[in-house]
Amino acid sequence: MEFTHVDGDGSIPVTLFSLSTCGHCRRTKSFLEEKGIAYDFVDVDLLSGETFTAVYDRVKTYNPRGSFPTIVIGEKETVIVGDRLDEIAAALGLNA
């Protein structure tokens, strides 16, 4: 899979499935960057062919609706759908 890594505090693994055109996705990325959190992301709409299918199938294992952003946090793979910044902060042990 073709993830892009953003540097920061990597003590908790964070994976973000997003769309390049999605405002909620951009808001989530900005939030993570403002908080200095390392994360890996992929803009699913920029993929094609088998790669797109594989990544989108993975998104649907976390979020059956297949909506974006879908964020997976920590070893227990806490899944948060949407730009629910308070929930993301809580999963990361941050103050929102």
Foldseek 3Di string as FASTA:
>chain_A
DDKDKDAFDAPKEKEKEAAPPDPQSVVLVVLCVVVRYIYIYDRLVVDDDPVSVVVQVVCCVLPVVSAPTWMFIGPVGDIDHTNPVCVVCVSVVHDD
